[in-house]
């Protein structure tokens, strides 16, 4: 309650709750908002009040606060807001929903972005909360549980009502698990010692537009590098930015000019630059002009990630024609950025750079720059997906990968996803290599070390120390590779044992020959003659030795 703020909106006010924007049926919305970051921090610090947090593990906090002392959207308010008779005079309806909000400032051009009307939040650590009694949400089209149950005529105190509530809550849990805790990867996550990001920023604006917002003000190299580096703490991440006028490259300027159409997107009312033509000009699977700017390397030593960013003139935006939309309405699909697997393609216009001139309240001279969308698309290129694939509720997550929250960071869920992917790649390679490798005298040491490193990596992995596990997963992959190379070398096991047999036989022969040689007498010496005087010897039975009578001594 101490952080509760009241925000009154109507359909004609400066701030509008998009869910209640039908002025014919609503006179006022009294929105009660709570700072999302403060709520997350308090819950995380006081989890012992609700049961200890799993260590290691993720925490999902599911709340129903409509019976507590905070305002909420009731079924009676829902009925008043949604009259069956659309031609009837509008009722004097007042609604009192509660939400979670935050405010973020663009790091490039200082536009203040208000993110209100959220029904959940989390991701700064391995924690997410959702308030089932918050809303309704225009973003997710979800009604709060106290309205949804009555709308369906469900008595939540009955046996069926409890089953219904379990399914209702379970659908939210499903989304959190598959969007955040066990997220899919958009692209394969690959290990490298260095992730080298090369961004090429081209100015396609008019000279007056360039003078109002210099190109170098539209992107923050340090922020991008630090943020991407947080995904791969085991490696080096670098960001290089190259600024140029599109006219510096006549062929590129020509393709952009040809792609600049007279088509207007019917939803945004923005004119279009056909992004598919520009992409085809760059990509190696198209015309291949990307090599004029960068030779892309993808090895365990270095992975290059190229990005081509365009500052478009006026209010232009990139779009891609879709045949179904052309047939129906002529609508185009517009995008600020796309991660296309082999490169990032981004387009913002002068109107984006000066968006504050059209916001309410007005923010003169302020706008959105490239950094936010660049970090988002680079996250895709590293392997991250959106957090709302299975449930839009998780669009309210503290991650740049979401659409709504306008976060500038990757969430802890994002970092876990990348690090799990790196470990999975390395460990899978190590296990597959070992399973196909014969244990020999030469590679036994490498196999043993690989198995030890696998065990160490899996131990850290199971305790969710994914960053710490990477070094052991890498060592396991290297040891397994070395063992495999030795096993697959030109010296086969049969030949090795044959050579060992020959060596042992030769050694035994040399030893026997040496012993026999030592027992032999010098050549020409006869045992029945004295070696001194060469006189015949006689056998002395008393001494059991040969005796020389001339020399008078035994031989």
Protein backbone atom coordinates (compact mmCIF):
# COMPACT_ATOMS: atom_id res chain seq x y z
CA UNK A 1 0.00 0.00 0.00
CA UNK A 2 2.91 2.37 0.67
CA UNK A 3 3.84 2.40 -3.04
CA UNK A 4 0.28 2.60 -4.34
CA UNK A 5 -0.38 5.38 -6.82
CA UNK A 6 -3.69 6.39 -8.32
CA UNK A 7 -3.83 7.19 -12.01
CA UNK A 8 -7.15 8.43 -13.35
CA UNK A 9 -7.73 7.98 -17.07
CA UNK A 10 -10.56 8.37 -19.50
CA UNK A 11 -10.77 7.71 -23.19
CA UNK A 12 -10.04 11.37 -23.86
CA UNK A 13 -7.37 12.01 -21.21
CA UNK A 14 -3.65 12.37 -21.76
CA UNK A 15 -2.97 8.92 -20.34
CA UNK A 16 -5.32 6.21 -21.58
CA UNK A 17 -5.62 2.68 -20.26
CA UNK A 18 -5.96 0.91 -23.62
CA UNK A 19 -8.38 -1.65 -22.20
CA UNK A 20 -10.83 1.08 -21.20
CA UNK A 21 -10.63 3.25 -24.30
CA UNK A 22 -14.30 3.01 -25.26
CA UNK A 23 -15.54 6.44 -24.24
CA UNK A 24 -19.18 5.51 -24.95
CA UNK A 25 -19.34 3.16 -21.97
CA UNK A 26 -16.82 4.58 -19.50
CA UNK A 27 -16.59 7.85 -17.69
CA UNK A 28 -13.52 7.12 -15.62
CA UNK A 29 -10.90 4.49 -14.84
CA UNK A 30 -9.18 4.82 -11.50
CA UNK A 31 -6.07 2.73 -12.06
CA UNK A 32 -4.06 1.78 -8.99
CA UNK A 33 -0.46 1.08 -9.94
CA UNK A 34 2.48 -0.36 -8.02
CA UNK A 35 6.16 -0.13 -8.88
CA UNK A 36 6.96 -3.50 -10.46
CA UNK A 37 10.65 -3.49 -9.51
CA UNK A 38 9.91 -2.69 -5.87
CA UNK A 39 7.29 -5.42 -5.63
CA UNK A 40 9.68 -7.97 -7.16
CA UNK A 41 12.48 -6.92 -4.81
CA UNK A 42 10.25 -7.11 -1.72
CA UNK A 43 8.89 -10.54 -2.60
CA UNK A 44 12.33 -11.92 -3.34
CA UNK A 45 13.67 -10.60 -0.01
CA UNK A 46 10.74 -12.00 1.96
CA UNK A 47 10.21 -15.41 0.39
CA UNK A 48 10.61 -17.02 3.83
CA UNK A 49 7.20 -15.56 4.68
CA UNK A 50 5.70 -17.79 2.00
CA UNK A 51 8.07 -20.75 2.16
CA UNK A 52 11.78 -20.87 1.49
CA UNK A 53 13.01 -20.37 -2.08
CA UNK A 54 14.34 -23.49 -3.81
CA UNK A 55 18.13 -23.52 -3.92
CA UNK A 56 18.92 -24.17 -6.66
CA UNK A 57 15.72 -23.55 -8.56
CA UNK A 58 13.18 -21.09 -9.90
CA UNK A 59 10.45 -19.40 -7.88
CA UNK A 60 7.02 -18.69 -9.31
CA UNK A 61 4.78 -16.55 -7.11
CA UNK A 62 1.08 -16.72 -8.01
CA UNK A 63 -1.13 -14.22 -6.16
CA UNK A 64 -4.85 -13.54 -5.83
CA UNK A 65 -5.23 -10.23 -3.99
CA UNK A 66 -8.83 -9.30 -4.72
CA UNK A 67 -9.94 -10.09 -1.15
CA UNK A 68 -7.21 -7.90 0.34
CA UNK A 69 -7.26 -4.18 1.02
CA UNK A 70 -6.29 -3.07 -2.48
CA UNK A 71 -8.65 -1.93 -5.26
CA UNK A 72 -9.56 -4.45 -7.92
CA UNK A 73 -11.72 -4.83 -11.00
CA UNK A 74 -14.98 -6.48 -9.93
CA UNK A 75 -17.57 -8.45 -11.85
CA UNK A 76 -20.09 -5.67 -11.20
CA UNK A 77 -17.70 -3.19 -12.84
CA UNK A 78 -17.24 -5.56 -15.75
CA UNK A 79 -21.02 -5.75 -16.25
CA UNK A 80 -21.35 -1.97 -16.15
CA UNK A 81 -18.54 -1.51 -18.62
CA UNK A 82 -19.90 -4.08 -21.08
CA UNK A 83 -23.59 -3.34 -21.64
CA UNK A 84 -25.32 -5.67 -24.06
CA UNK A 85 -27.10 -2.77 -25.68
CA UNK A 86 -24.45 -0.86 -27.62
CA UNK A 87 -26.97 1.82 -28.60
CA UNK A 88 -28.07 2.49 -25.03
CA UNK A 89 -26.95 5.68 -23.25
CA UNK A 90 -23.55 5.16 -21.62
CA UNK A 91 -23.65 4.33 -17.92
CA UNK A 92 -21.67 6.35 -15.43
CA UNK A 93 -19.21 3.52 -14.90
CA UNK A 94 -16.13 3.85 -12.72
CA UNK A 95 -13.66 0.97 -12.68
CA UNK A 96 -10.86 0.44 -10.15
CA UNK A 97 -8.33 -2.08 -11.54
CA UNK A 98 -4.80 -2.46 -10.19
CA UNK A 99 -1.59 -3.02 -12.15
CA UNK A 100 2.20 -2.90 -11.96
CA UNK A 101 4.22 -0.23 -13.72
CA UNK A 102 7.74 0.95 -14.45
CA UNK A 103 9.39 3.78 -16.38
CA UNK A 104 12.45 3.38 -18.62
CA UNK A 105 14.50 6.04 -20.40
CA UNK A 106 15.94 5.30 -23.84
CA UNK A 107 19.76 5.17 -23.51
CA UNK A 108 20.36 6.97 -26.80
CA UNK A 109 17.86 9.77 -27.29
CA UNK A 110 16.36 10.00 -23.78
CA UNK A 111 12.71 9.28 -24.56
CA UNK A 112 10.86 8.31 -21.37
CA UNK A 113 8.92 5.10 -21.97
CA UNK A 114 6.01 4.44 -19.60
CA UNK A 115 5.17 0.78 -19.10
CA UNK A 116 1.93 0.60 -17.14
CA UNK A 117 -0.93 -1.90 -16.91
CA UNK A 118 1.21 -5.01 -16.34
CA UNK A 119 -0.16 -7.96 -14.36
CA UNK A 120 3.16 -9.64 -13.54
CA UNK A 121 6.87 -9.00 -13.37
CA UNK A 122 10.22 -10.68 -12.70
CA UNK A 123 13.44 -11.89 -14.26
CA UNK A 124 16.06 -9.83 -12.46
CA UNK A 125 16.89 -13.15 -10.77
CA UNK A 126 15.34 -16.63 -10.94
CA UNK A 127 12.03 -15.27 -9.78
CA UNK A 128 8.72 -14.34 -11.42
CA UNK A 129 5.39 -13.29 -9.96
CA UNK A 130 1.96 -12.97 -11.46
CA UNK A 131 -1.13 -11.41 -9.92
CA UNK A 132 -4.24 -13.24 -11.08
CA UNK A 133 -6.47 -10.52 -9.62
CA UNK A 134 -4.74 -7.69 -11.52
CA UNK A 135 -6.11 -6.27 -14.73
CA UNK A 136 -7.89 -6.63 -17.05
CA UNK A 137 -4.98 -6.50 -19.46
CA UNK A 138 -5.24 -5.01 -22.92
CA UNK A 139 -1.91 -6.68 -23.78
CA UNK A 140 -2.91 -10.27 -22.94
CA UNK A 141 -6.72 -9.96 -23.25
CA UNK A 142 -6.99 -11.73 -19.89
CA UNK A 143 -9.63 -11.03 -17.29
CA UNK A 144 -8.71 -11.15 -13.60
CA UNK A 145 -9.69 -14.37 -11.85
CA UNK A 146 -12.49 -12.79 -9.77
CA UNK A 147 -14.20 -11.67 -12.99
CA UNK A 148 -13.40 -14.76 -15.05
CA UNK A 149 -14.89 -17.12 -12.48
CA UNK A 150 -18.15 -15.19 -12.12
CA UNK A 151 -18.41 -14.67 -15.86
CA UNK A 152 -18.36 -18.46 -16.24
CA UNK A 153 -20.76 -18.94 -13.33
CA UNK A 154 -18.17 -20.85 -11.31
CA UNK A 155 -18.50 -21.13 -7.53
CA UNK A 156 -14.84 -21.35 -6.55
CA UNK A 157 -15.83 -22.84 -3.17
CA UNK A 158 -17.48 -25.89 -4.76
CA UNK A 159 -15.77 -29.12 -5.76
CA UNK A 160 -15.99 -28.24 -9.45
CA UNK A 161 -14.90 -24.69 -8.67
CA UNK A 162 -11.70 -25.96 -7.11
CA UNK A 163 -11.00 -28.10 -10.16
CA UNK A 164 -11.71 -25.11 -12.40
CA UNK A 165 -9.38 -22.92 -10.34
CA UNK A 166 -6.63 -25.53 -10.56
CA UNK A 167 -6.88 -25.53 -14.33
CA UNK A 168 -7.01 -21.74 -14.42
CA UNK A 169 -3.85 -21.42 -12.34
CA UNK A 170 -2.21 -24.32 -14.18
CA UNK A 171 -2.51 -22.53 -17.51
CA UNK A 172 -0.52 -19.63 -16.06
CA UNK A 173 2.11 -21.99 -14.63
CA UNK A 174 2.46 -23.67 -18.02
CA UNK A 175 3.30 -20.38 -19.67
CA UNK A 176 5.89 -19.43 -17.05
CA UNK A 177 7.63 -22.81 -17.26
CA UNK A 178 7.89 -22.96 -21.04
CA UNK A 179 8.52 -19.25 -21.61
CA UNK A 180 11.01 -18.63 -18.79
CA UNK A 181 12.16 -21.65 -16.80
CA UNK A 182 12.68 -24.04 -19.72
CA UNK A 183 12.68 -21.68 -22.68
CA UNK A 184 13.07 -22.76 -26.29
CA UNK A 185 16.04 -21.53 -28.30
CA UNK A 186 15.42 -19.61 -31.50
CA UNK A 187 18.79 -20.53 -33.04
CA UNK A 188 21.36 -23.14 -31.92
CA UNK A 189 23.61 -21.83 -29.15
CA UNK A 190 27.24 -22.22 -30.20
CA UNK A 191 30.38 -21.99 -28.07
CA UNK A 192 33.18 -19.63 -29.07
CA UNK A 193 36.10 -17.98 -27.33
CA UNK A 194 35.14 -14.62 -28.86
CA UNK A 195 31.83 -13.24 -30.07
CA UNK A 196 32.65 -10.43 -32.45
CA UNK A 197 29.74 -8.13 -33.29
CA UNK A 198 30.21 -5.87 -36.30
CA UNK A 199 27.51 -3.22 -36.73
CA UNK A 200 27.32 -1.08 -39.86
CA UNK A 201 25.11 2.00 -39.41
CA UNK A 202 24.07 3.72 -42.62
CA UNK A 203 22.48 7.15 -42.80
CA UNK A 204 19.76 7.34 -45.45
CA UNK A 205 18.18 10.59 -44.22
CA UNK A 206 18.08 14.05 -45.71
CA UNK A 207 20.75 16.58 -44.72
CA UNK A 208 18.39 18.63 -42.49
CA UNK A 209 17.40 15.44 -40.65
CA UNK A 210 21.05 14.49 -40.16
CA UNK A 211 21.81 17.87 -38.63
CA UNK A 212 18.96 17.58 -36.11
CA UNK A 213 19.99 14.11 -34.84
CA UNK A 214 23.62 13.16 -35.60
CA UNK A 215 23.98 9.47 -36.43
CA UNK A 216 26.48 8.75 -33.64
CA UNK A 217 23.93 9.88 -31.03
CA UNK A 218 21.54 7.11 -32.03
CA UNK A 219 23.51 4.13 -30.64
CA UNK A 220 25.50 3.30 -27.49
CA UNK A 221 28.41 0.97 -28.21
CA UNK A 222 29.42 0.47 -24.56
CA UNK A 223 25.91 -0.47 -23.44
CA UNK A 224 25.49 -3.00 -26.26
CA UNK A 225 28.85 -4.63 -25.56
CA UNK A 226 28.32 -4.87 -21.79
CA UNK A 227 24.82 -6.27 -22.20
CA UNK A 228 25.78 -8.92 -24.76
CA UNK A 229 28.83 -9.86 -22.69
CA UNK A 230 26.52 -10.67 -19.75
CA UNK A 231 25.18 -13.62 -21.77
CA UNK A 232 28.62 -15.22 -22.27
CA UNK A 233 30.75 -14.64 -19.14
CA UNK A 234 33.08 -17.45 -20.24
CA UNK A 235 34.08 -15.64 -23.45
CA UNK A 236 35.08 -12.27 -24.83
CA UNK A 237 32.40 -10.17 -26.51
CA UNK A 238 33.33 -7.17 -28.64
CA UNK A 239 31.20 -4.64 -30.49
CA UNK A 240 32.55 -2.53 -33.34
CA UNK A 241 30.39 0.15 -34.95
CA UNK A 242 31.06 1.58 -38.40
CA UNK A 243 29.20 4.77 -39.40
CA UNK A 244 28.69 5.80 -43.02
CA UNK A 245 26.32 7.61 -45.36
CA UNK A 246 24.52 5.16 -47.61
CA UNK A 247 25.73 7.22 -50.57
CA UNK A 248 29.29 6.13 -49.72
CA UNK A 249 28.27 2.77 -51.21
CA UNK A 250 26.55 3.51 -54.56
CA UNK A 251 25.37 -0.06 -55.14
CA UNK A 252 23.80 -0.21 -51.66
CA UNK A 253 22.26 3.24 -52.11
CA UNK A 254 20.75 2.01 -55.36
CA UNK A 255 19.15 -1.07 -53.83
CA UNK A 256 17.72 0.98 -50.94
CA UNK A 257 16.32 3.50 -53.40
CA UNK A 258 14.71 0.70 -55.41
CA UNK A 259 13.29 -0.84 -52.22
CA UNK A 260 11.78 2.49 -51.11
CA UNK A 261 8.16 2.14 -52.18
CA UNK A 262 5.00 4.22 -52.30
CA UNK A 263 3.19 1.57 -50.26
CA UNK A 264 1.80 2.60 -46.88
CA UNK A 265 1.16 0.18 -44.05
CA UNK A 266 -2.57 0.54 -43.27
CA UNK A 267 -2.09 -0.03 -39.53
CA UNK A 268 0.79 2.31 -38.78
CA UNK A 269 0.26 4.58 -41.79
CA UNK A 270 4.01 4.48 -42.43
CA UNK A 271 5.59 4.27 -45.90
CA UNK A 272 7.65 1.15 -46.57
CA UNK A 273 11.15 0.15 -47.57
CA UNK A 274 11.00 -3.47 -48.77
CA UNK A 275 13.35 -5.20 -46.33
CA UNK A 276 13.41 -8.45 -48.30
CA UNK A 277 15.16 -6.72 -51.23
CA UNK A 278 17.81 -5.18 -48.98
CA UNK A 279 18.40 -8.48 -47.19
CA UNK A 280 18.70 -10.37 -50.48
CA UNK A 281 21.33 -7.89 -51.67
CA UNK A 282 23.46 -8.58 -48.59
CA UNK A 283 23.06 -12.30 -47.93
CA UNK A 284 25.35 -14.95 -49.38
CA UNK A 285 22.28 -16.98 -50.31
CA UNK A 286 21.19 -13.97 -52.41
CA UNK A 287 23.52 -11.58 -54.16
CA UNK A 288 26.28 -11.98 -51.58
CA UNK A 289 27.37 -8.37 -51.07
CA UNK A 290 27.92 -8.96 -47.36
CA UNK A 291 31.52 -9.86 -48.24
CA UNK A 292 32.06 -6.22 -49.26
CA UNK A 293 31.78 -5.39 -45.55
CA UNK A 294 32.76 -8.47 -43.55
CA UNK A 295 34.02 -12.03 -43.96
CA UNK A 296 31.95 -13.95 -41.45
CA UNK A 297 33.71 -16.59 -39.35
CA UNK A 298 31.93 -19.18 -37.24
CA UNK A 299 34.39 -21.37 -35.35
CA UNK A 300 35.02 -22.27 -31.72
CA UNK A 301 37.66 -19.53 -31.73
CA UNK A 302 35.44 -16.76 -33.11
CA UNK A 303 31.84 -16.21 -34.10
CA UNK A 304 31.14 -13.07 -36.14
CA UNK A 305 27.67 -11.51 -35.90
CA UNK A 306 27.09 -8.83 -38.54
CA UNK A 307 24.37 -6.21 -38.30
CA UNK A 308 23.22 -3.65 -40.85
CA UNK A 309 21.34 -0.69 -39.36
CA UNK A 310 19.64 1.98 -41.44
CA UNK A 311 18.55 5.46 -40.38
CA UNK A 312 15.68 5.93 -42.84
CA UNK A 313 14.34 9.28 -43.91
CA UNK A 314 11.04 10.74 -42.79
CA UNK A 315 8.63 8.18 -41.40
CA UNK A 316 9.79 5.20 -43.46
CA UNK A 317 10.05 1.74 -41.95
CA UNK A 318 11.13 -1.67 -43.18
CA UNK A 319 8.35 -3.96 -44.35
CA UNK A 320 7.99 -7.36 -45.97
CA UNK A 321 5.08 -8.09 -48.32
CA UNK A 322 2.98 -11.09 -47.29
CA UNK A 323 0.89 -12.66 -50.06
CA UNK A 324 -2.15 -13.33 -47.88
CA UNK A 325 -2.24 -9.73 -46.68
CA UNK A 326 -1.81 -8.43 -50.21
CA UNK A 327 -4.77 -10.48 -51.38
CA UNK A 328 -6.98 -9.33 -48.52
CA UNK A 329 -6.08 -5.78 -47.59
CA UNK A 330 -2.73 -4.88 -49.13
CA UNK A 331 -1.27 -4.82 -45.62
CA UNK A 332 2.47 -5.18 -45.17
CA UNK A 333 4.39 -6.67 -42.27
CA UNK A 334 6.58 -3.94 -40.80
CA UNK A 335 9.57 -4.42 -38.52
CA UNK A 336 12.12 -2.32 -36.71
CA UNK A 337 14.58 -5.20 -36.69
CA UNK A 338 14.97 -8.84 -37.64
CA UNK A 339 17.51 -11.51 -36.70
CA UNK A 340 17.79 -13.49 -39.91
CA UNK A 341 20.29 -16.15 -38.83
CA UNK A 342 23.19 -14.87 -40.89
CA UNK A 343 22.79 -11.18 -40.01
CA UNK A 344 20.74 -8.54 -38.22
CA UNK A 345 18.74 -6.04 -40.28
CA UNK A 346 17.39 -2.95 -38.50
CA UNK A 347 15.63 0.16 -39.72
CA UNK A 348 14.58 3.21 -37.71
CA UNK A 349 13.52 6.54 -39.16
CA UNK A 350 13.89 10.19 -38.34
CA UNK A 351 10.39 10.06 -36.85
CA UNK A 352 11.57 7.38 -34.39
CA UNK A 353 14.54 9.53 -33.41
CA UNK A 354 12.14 12.41 -32.67
CA UNK A 355 9.20 10.41 -31.35
CA UNK A 356 8.91 12.63 -28.29
CA UNK A 357 7.52 15.43 -30.42
CA UNK A 358 4.35 13.34 -30.78
CA UNK A 359 4.01 11.72 -27.35
CA UNK A 360 1.55 12.73 -24.63
CA UNK A 361 2.86 14.50 -22.70
CA UNK A 362 5.19 15.92 -25.32
CA UNK A 363 8.94 15.22 -25.00
CA UNK A 364 10.43 17.67 -27.45
CA UNK A 365 13.63 16.56 -29.18
CA UNK A 366 13.66 13.11 -27.58
CA UNK A 367 13.22 9.74 -29.21
CA UNK A 368 14.20 6.08 -29.45
CA UNK A 369 17.59 5.07 -30.81
CA UNK A 370 19.14 1.85 -32.11
CA UNK A 371 20.55 0.40 -28.87
CA UNK A 372 17.36 -1.19 -27.55
CA UNK A 373 16.41 -2.91 -30.79
CA UNK A 374 20.05 -3.89 -31.48
CA UNK A 375 20.38 -5.64 -28.11
CA UNK A 376 17.06 -7.40 -28.77
CA UNK A 377 18.05 -8.68 -32.21
CA UNK A 378 21.54 -9.68 -31.08
CA UNK A 379 19.88 -11.72 -28.34
CA UNK A 380 18.01 -13.60 -31.05
CA UNK A 381 21.26 -14.17 -32.95
CA UNK A 382 22.81 -15.64 -29.80
CA UNK A 383 19.87 -18.04 -29.58
CA UNK A 384 17.19 -16.34 -27.44
CA UNK A 385 13.49 -16.40 -28.17
CA UNK A 386 10.68 -14.08 -27.09
CA UNK A 387 9.32 -14.72 -23.58
CA UNK A 388 5.69 -14.84 -24.73
CA UNK A 389 5.57 -17.79 -27.12
CA UNK A 390 3.21 -19.87 -24.96
CA UNK A 391 1.51 -17.17 -22.89
CA UNK A 392 1.45 -13.39 -23.33
CA UNK A 393 1.62 -12.95 -19.54
CA UNK A 394 5.39 -13.42 -19.71
CA UNK A 395 5.67 -10.39 -21.98
CA UNK A 396 5.69 -8.64 -18.59
CA UNK A 397 9.26 -9.82 -17.89
CA UNK A 398 12.35 -7.77 -17.18
CA UNK A 399 14.05 -8.67 -20.45
CA UNK A 400 14.94 -6.84 -23.62
CA UNK A 401 13.64 -9.91 -25.46
CA UNK A 402 10.06 -8.95 -24.60
CA UNK A 403 8.03 -6.50 -26.63
CA UNK A 404 6.15 -4.62 -23.95
CA UNK A 405 8.41 -4.02 -20.97
CA UNK A 406 11.11 -1.99 -22.80
CA UNK A 407 13.84 -3.46 -20.62
CA UNK A 408 17.47 -2.83 -21.60
CA UNK A 409 18.79 -6.03 -19.99
CA UNK A 410 18.66 -9.75 -20.54
CA UNK A 411 16.80 -11.56 -17.77
CA UNK A 412 18.31 -14.25 -15.59
CA UNK A 413 16.15 -16.68 -17.55
CA UNK A 414 17.87 -15.51 -20.76
CA UNK A 415 21.33 -15.96 -19.28
CA UNK A 416 20.42 -19.44 -18.04
CA UNK A 417 19.08 -20.38 -21.47
CA UNK A 418 22.30 -19.38 -23.24
CA UNK A 419 24.59 -21.02 -20.69
CA UNK A 420 22.56 -24.23 -20.64
CA UNK A 421 22.74 -24.27 -24.43
CA UNK A 422 26.52 -23.88 -24.45
CA UNK A 423 26.97 -26.67 -21.89
CA UNK A 424 24.52 -28.91 -23.72
CA UNK A 425 26.40 -28.43 -26.99
CA UNK A 426 29.81 -29.22 -25.50
CA UNK A 427 28.66 -32.13 -23.35
CA UNK A 428 26.66 -33.68 -26.18
CA UNK A 429 29.73 -33.55 -28.40
CA UNK A 430 31.91 -35.10 -25.68
CA UNK A 431 29.48 -37.94 -24.95
CA UNK A 432 28.92 -38.74 -28.62
CA UNK A 433 32.65 -38.70 -29.34
CA UNK A 434 33.41 -41.01 -26.42
CA UNK A 435 30.64 -43.43 -27.37
CA UNK A 436 32.23 -43.84 -30.81
CA UNK A 437 35.85 -44.02 -29.61
CA UNK A 438 37.71 -47.25 -28.83
CA UNK A 439 39.78 -47.20 -25.65
CA UNK A 440 43.45 -47.91 -26.49
CA UNK A 441 46.77 -47.70 -24.72
CA UNK A 442 47.39 -44.30 -26.32
CA UNK A 443 44.06 -42.54 -25.61
CA UNK A 444 43.11 -44.04 -22.26
CA UNK A 445 44.36 -40.96 -20.41
CA UNK A 446 42.28 -38.59 -22.53
CA UNK A 447 39.18 -40.73 -22.09
CA UNK A 448 39.64 -40.78 -18.34
CA UNK A 449 40.07 -36.99 -18.19
CA UNK A 450 37.02 -36.48 -20.40
CA UNK A 451 34.86 -38.56 -18.09
CA UNK A 452 36.14 -36.68 -15.04
CA UNK A 453 35.35 -33.33 -16.64
CA UNK A 454 31.91 -34.53 -17.70
CA UNK A 455 31.15 -35.53 -14.11
CA UNK A 456 32.34 -32.15 -12.79
CA UNK A 457 30.35 -30.23 -15.41
CA UNK A 458 27.18 -32.20 -14.70
CA UNK A 459 27.56 -31.62 -10.96
CA UNK A 460 27.72 -27.83 -11.46
CA UNK A 461 24.98 -28.00 -14.10
CA UNK A 462 22.66 -29.77 -11.66
CA UNK A 463 23.24 -27.05 -9.08
CA UNK A 464 22.41 -24.44 -11.76
CA UNK A 465 25.94 -23.05 -11.78
CA UNK A 466 25.81 -23.02 -15.56
CA UNK A 467 28.59 -20.45 -15.91
CA UNK A 468 30.95 -22.49 -13.75
CA UNK A 469 30.16 -25.66 -15.69
CA UNK A 470 31.30 -24.28 -19.04
CA UNK A 471 35.04 -24.69 -18.41
CA UNK A 472 34.58 -28.38 -17.56
CA UNK A 473 32.21 -29.00 -20.47
CA UNK A 474 34.80 -27.43 -22.78
CA UNK A 475 37.63 -29.50 -21.29
CA UNK A 476 35.52 -32.65 -21.69
CA UNK A 477 34.89 -31.85 -25.36
CA UNK A 478 38.60 -31.20 -25.98
CA UNK A 479 39.67 -34.41 -24.20
CA UNK A 480 37.07 -36.46 -26.08
CA UNK A 481 38.21 -34.95 -29.37
CA UNK A 482 41.84 -35.80 -28.61
CA UNK A 483 40.90 -39.37 -27.69
CA UNK A 484 38.91 -39.73 -30.89
CA UNK A 485 41.78 -38.44 -33.05
CA UNK A 486 44.22 -40.89 -31.50
CA UNK A 487 41.81 -43.79 -31.99
CA UNK A 488 41.25 -42.80 -35.62
CA UNK A 489 44.94 -42.29 -36.46
CA UNK A 490 46.83 -44.43 -38.97
CA UNK A 491 48.18 -46.78 -36.24
CA UNK A 492 45.44 -49.35 -35.74
CA UNK A 493 45.12 -51.29 -32.45
CA UNK A 494 46.15 -54.57 -34.18
CA UNK A 495 49.29 -52.97 -35.59
CA UNK A 496 50.08 -51.40 -32.23
CA UNK A 497 49.97 -54.77 -30.46
CA UNK A 498 52.00 -56.40 -33.29
CA UNK A 499 54.70 -53.77 -32.89
CA UNK A 500 54.67 -54.24 -29.13
CA UNK A 501 55.09 -58.03 -29.65
CA UNK A 502 57.99 -57.56 -32.03
CA UNK A 503 59.67 -55.16 -29.62
CA UNK A 504 59.27 -57.53 -26.71
CA UNK A 505 60.58 -60.47 -28.81
CA UNK A 506 63.59 -58.48 -29.95
CA UNK A 507 64.38 -57.47 -26.39
CA UNK A 508 64.25 -61.07 -25.19
CA UNK A 509 66.47 -62.19 -28.08
CA UNK A 510 69.07 -59.53 -27.33
CA UNK A 511 69.09 -60.44 -23.65
CA UNK A 512 69.52 -64.19 -24.32
CA UNK A 513 72.26 -63.54 -26.83
CA UNK A 514 74.11 -61.36 -24.34
CA UNK A 515 73.94 -64.02 -21.64
CA UNK A 516 75.14 -66.75 -24.02
CA UNK A 517 77.97 -64.57 -25.28
CA UNK A 518 79.21 -63.99 -21.73
CA UNK A 519 79.38 -67.77 -21.10
CA UNK A 520 81.46 -68.52 -24.23
CA UNK A 521 85.31 -68.96 -24.05
CA UNK A 522 87.67 -67.12 -26.36
CA UNK A 523 88.01 -68.64 -29.86
CA UNK A 524 90.79 -71.31 -30.22
CA UNK A 525 90.96 -72.27 -26.50
CA UNK A 526 90.66 -76.04 -25.94
CA UNK A 527 89.50 -77.39 -22.60
CA UNK A 528 92.17 -80.35 -22.70
CA UNK A 529 95.19 -77.99 -23.04
CA UNK A 530 96.67 -75.41 -20.68
CA UNK A 531 95.92 -71.89 -21.83
CA UNK A 532 99.40 -70.82 -20.66
CA UNK A 533 101.78 -73.48 -21.94
CA UNK A 534 99.44 -75.41 -24.22
CA UNK A 535 100.48 -78.72 -22.58
CA UNK A 536 97.83 -81.46 -22.15
CA UNK A 537 95.85 -81.24 -18.96
CA UNK A 538 94.90 -84.00 -16.64
CA UNK A 539 91.68 -84.33 -14.63
CA UNK A 540 92.29 -84.25 -10.87
CA UNK A 541 89.39 -86.14 -9.23
CA UNK A 542 90.31 -84.88 -5.77
CA UNK A 543 90.04 -81.22 -6.76
CA UNK A 544 87.34 -81.87 -9.38
CA UNK A 545 89.25 -79.60 -11.75
CA UNK A 546 91.67 -79.75 -14.67
CA UNK A 547 95.39 -79.54 -13.63
CA UNK A 548 98.54 -78.51 -15.57
CA UNK A 549 101.58 -80.51 -14.41
CA UNK A 550 104.07 -78.14 -16.11
CA UNK A 551 102.59 -74.97 -14.62
CA UNK A 552 101.61 -76.82 -11.45
CA UNK A 553 98.28 -75.11 -11.11
CA UNK A 554 94.63 -75.88 -11.70
CA UNK A 555 92.96 -74.43 -14.72
